[in-house]
Amino acid sequence: MLFFARRSFTSAVAGKKVAFLGLGNMGLPMATNLKKAGFDVTGYDVGDKQRQSAVEASLDVAASI
């Protein structure tokens, strides 16, 4: 039953857009999990290192807020 519920949730969020501000120690894993769940995630962080880590995690990164 749990598998079915997750499957339904994933299809329900496919294509939904999310903006994520703050891609540090906590934000990057959260944004990555949202992407894995099917959300279209675009992130931003003021730090160059954090933005680069997001690119390496296959997230779209905005140039500014």
C-alpha atoms as a PDB file:
ATOM      1  CA  MET A   1       0.000   0.000   0.000  1.00  0.00           C
ATOM      2  CA  LEU A   2       2.832   2.407   0.757  1.00  0.00           C
ATOM      3  CA  PHE A   3       4.314   1.893  -2.711  1.00  0.00           C
ATOM      4  CA  PHE A   4       0.958   2.704  -4.310  1.00  0.00           C
ATOM      5  CA  ALA A   5       0.578   5.889  -2.240  1.00  0.00           C
ATOM      6  CA  ARG A   6       4.039   7.095  -3.211  1.00  0.00           C
ATOM      7  CA  ARG A   7       3.425   6.306  -6.843  1.00  0.00           C
ATOM      8  CA  SER A   8       0.192   8.311  -6.816  1.00  0.00           C
ATOM      9  CA  PHE A   9       1.916  11.232  -5.094  1.00  0.00           C
ATOM     10  CA  THR A  10       4.718  11.282  -7.649  1.00  0.00           C
ATOM     11  CA  SER A  11       2.328  11.421 -10.579  1.00  0.00           C
ATOM     12  CA  ALA A  12       0.269  14.132  -8.850  1.00  0.00           C
ATOM     13  CA  VAL A  13       3.258  16.515  -8.548  1.00  0.00           C
ATOM     14  CA  ALA A  14       4.842  15.897 -11.940  1.00  0.00           C
ATOM     15  CA  GLY A  15       5.499  19.227 -13.617  1.00  0.00           C
ATOM     16  CA  LYS A  16       4.683  21.358 -10.554  1.00  0.00           C
ATOM     17  CA  LYS A  17       7.222  24.147 -10.123  1.00  0.00           C
ATOM     18  CA  VAL A  18       9.021  24.946  -6.867  1.00  0.00           C
ATOM     19  CA  ALA A  19      11.489  27.718  -6.084  1.00  0.00           C
ATOM     20  CA  PHE A  20      13.982  26.861  -3.345  1.00  0.00           C
ATOM     21  CA  LEU A  21      16.017  29.594  -1.646  1.00  0.00           C
ATOM     22  CA  GLY A  22      19.053  28.476   0.319  1.00  0.00           C
ATOM     23  CA  LEU A  23      20.991  25.486  -0.990  1.00  0.00           C
ATOM     24  CA  GLY A  24      23.341  24.872   1.913  1.00  0.00           C
ATOM     25  CA  ASN A  25      23.715  21.878   4.226  1.00  0.00           C
ATOM     26  CA  MET A  26      19.983  21.523   4.754  1.00  0.00           C
ATOM     27  CA  GLY A  27      18.474  23.142   1.665  1.00  0.00           C
ATOM     28  CA  LEU A  28      20.311  21.186  -1.026  1.00  0.00           C
ATOM     29  CA  PRO A  29      19.195  17.746   0.200  1.00  0.00           C
ATOM     30  CA  MET A  30      15.639  19.022   0.597  1.00  0.00           C
ATOM     31  CA  ALA A  31      15.602  20.495  -2.922  1.00  0.00           C
ATOM     32  CA  THR A  32      17.114  17.287  -4.333  1.00  0.00           C
ATOM     33  CA  ASN A  33      14.408  15.192  -2.645  1.00  0.00           C
ATOM     34  CA  LEU A  34      11.723  17.424  -4.134  1.00  0.00           C
ATOM     35  CA  LYS A  35      13.236  16.900  -7.577  1.00  0.00           C
ATOM     36  CA  LYS A  36      13.328  13.132  -7.029  1.00  0.00           C
ATOM     37  CA  ALA A  37       9.639  13.297  -6.060  1.00  0.00           C
ATOM     38  CA  GLY A  38       8.825  14.813  -9.446  1.00  0.00           C
ATOM     39  CA  PHE A  39       8.776  18.554  -8.780  1.00  0.00           C
ATOM     40  CA  ASP A  40      10.398  20.971 -11.239  1.00  0.00           C
ATOM     41  CA  VAL A  41      12.861  22.637  -8.812  1.00  0.00           C
ATOM     42  CA  THR A  42      14.766  25.866  -9.415  1.00  0.00           C
ATOM     43  CA  GLY A  43      17.086  26.902  -6.611  1.00  0.00           C
ATOM     44  CA  TYR A  44      19.135  29.897  -5.581  1.00  0.00           C
ATOM     45  CA  ASP A  45      21.810  30.621  -2.997  1.00  0.00           C
ATOM     46  CA  VAL A  46      24.044  33.650  -2.467  1.00  0.00           C
ATOM     47  CA  GLY A  47      27.139  31.428  -2.213  1.00  0.00           C
ATOM     48  CA  ASP A  48      28.989  30.350  -5.357  1.00  0.00           C
ATOM     49  CA  LYS A  49      29.956  27.017  -3.790  1.00  0.00           C
ATOM     50  CA  GLN A  50      26.339  26.199  -2.911  1.00  0.00           C
ATOM     51  CA  ARG A  51      25.126  27.100  -6.415  1.00  0.00           C
ATOM     52  CA  GLN A  52      27.824  24.898  -7.936  1.00  0.00           C
ATOM     53  CA  SER A  53      26.825  22.000  -5.671  1.00  0.00           C
ATOM     54  CA  ALA A  54      23.234  22.407  -6.852  1.00  0.00           C
ATOM     55  CA  VAL A  55      24.318  22.283 -10.502  1.00  0.00           C
ATOM     56  CA  GLU A  56      26.292  19.106  -9.763  1.00  0.00           C
ATOM     57  CA  ALA A  57      23.105  17.650  -8.189  1.00  0.00           C
ATOM     58  CA  SER A  58      21.269  18.360 -11.511  1.00  0.00           C
ATOM     59  CA  LEU A  59      19.134  21.185 -10.128  1.00  0.00           C
ATOM     60  CA  ASP A  60      18.282  24.270 -12.157  1.00  0.00           C
ATOM     61  CA  VAL A  61      19.896  27.327 -10.567  1.00  0.00           C
ATOM     62  CA  ALA A  62      18.546  30.858 -10.958  1.00  0.00           C
ATOM     63  CA  ALA A  63      20.870  33.824 -11.492  1.00  0.00           C
ATOM     64  CA  SER A  64      19.038  35.852  -8.816  1.00  0.00           C
ATOM     65  CA  ILE A  65      16.076  35.680  -6.480  1.00  0.00           C
END
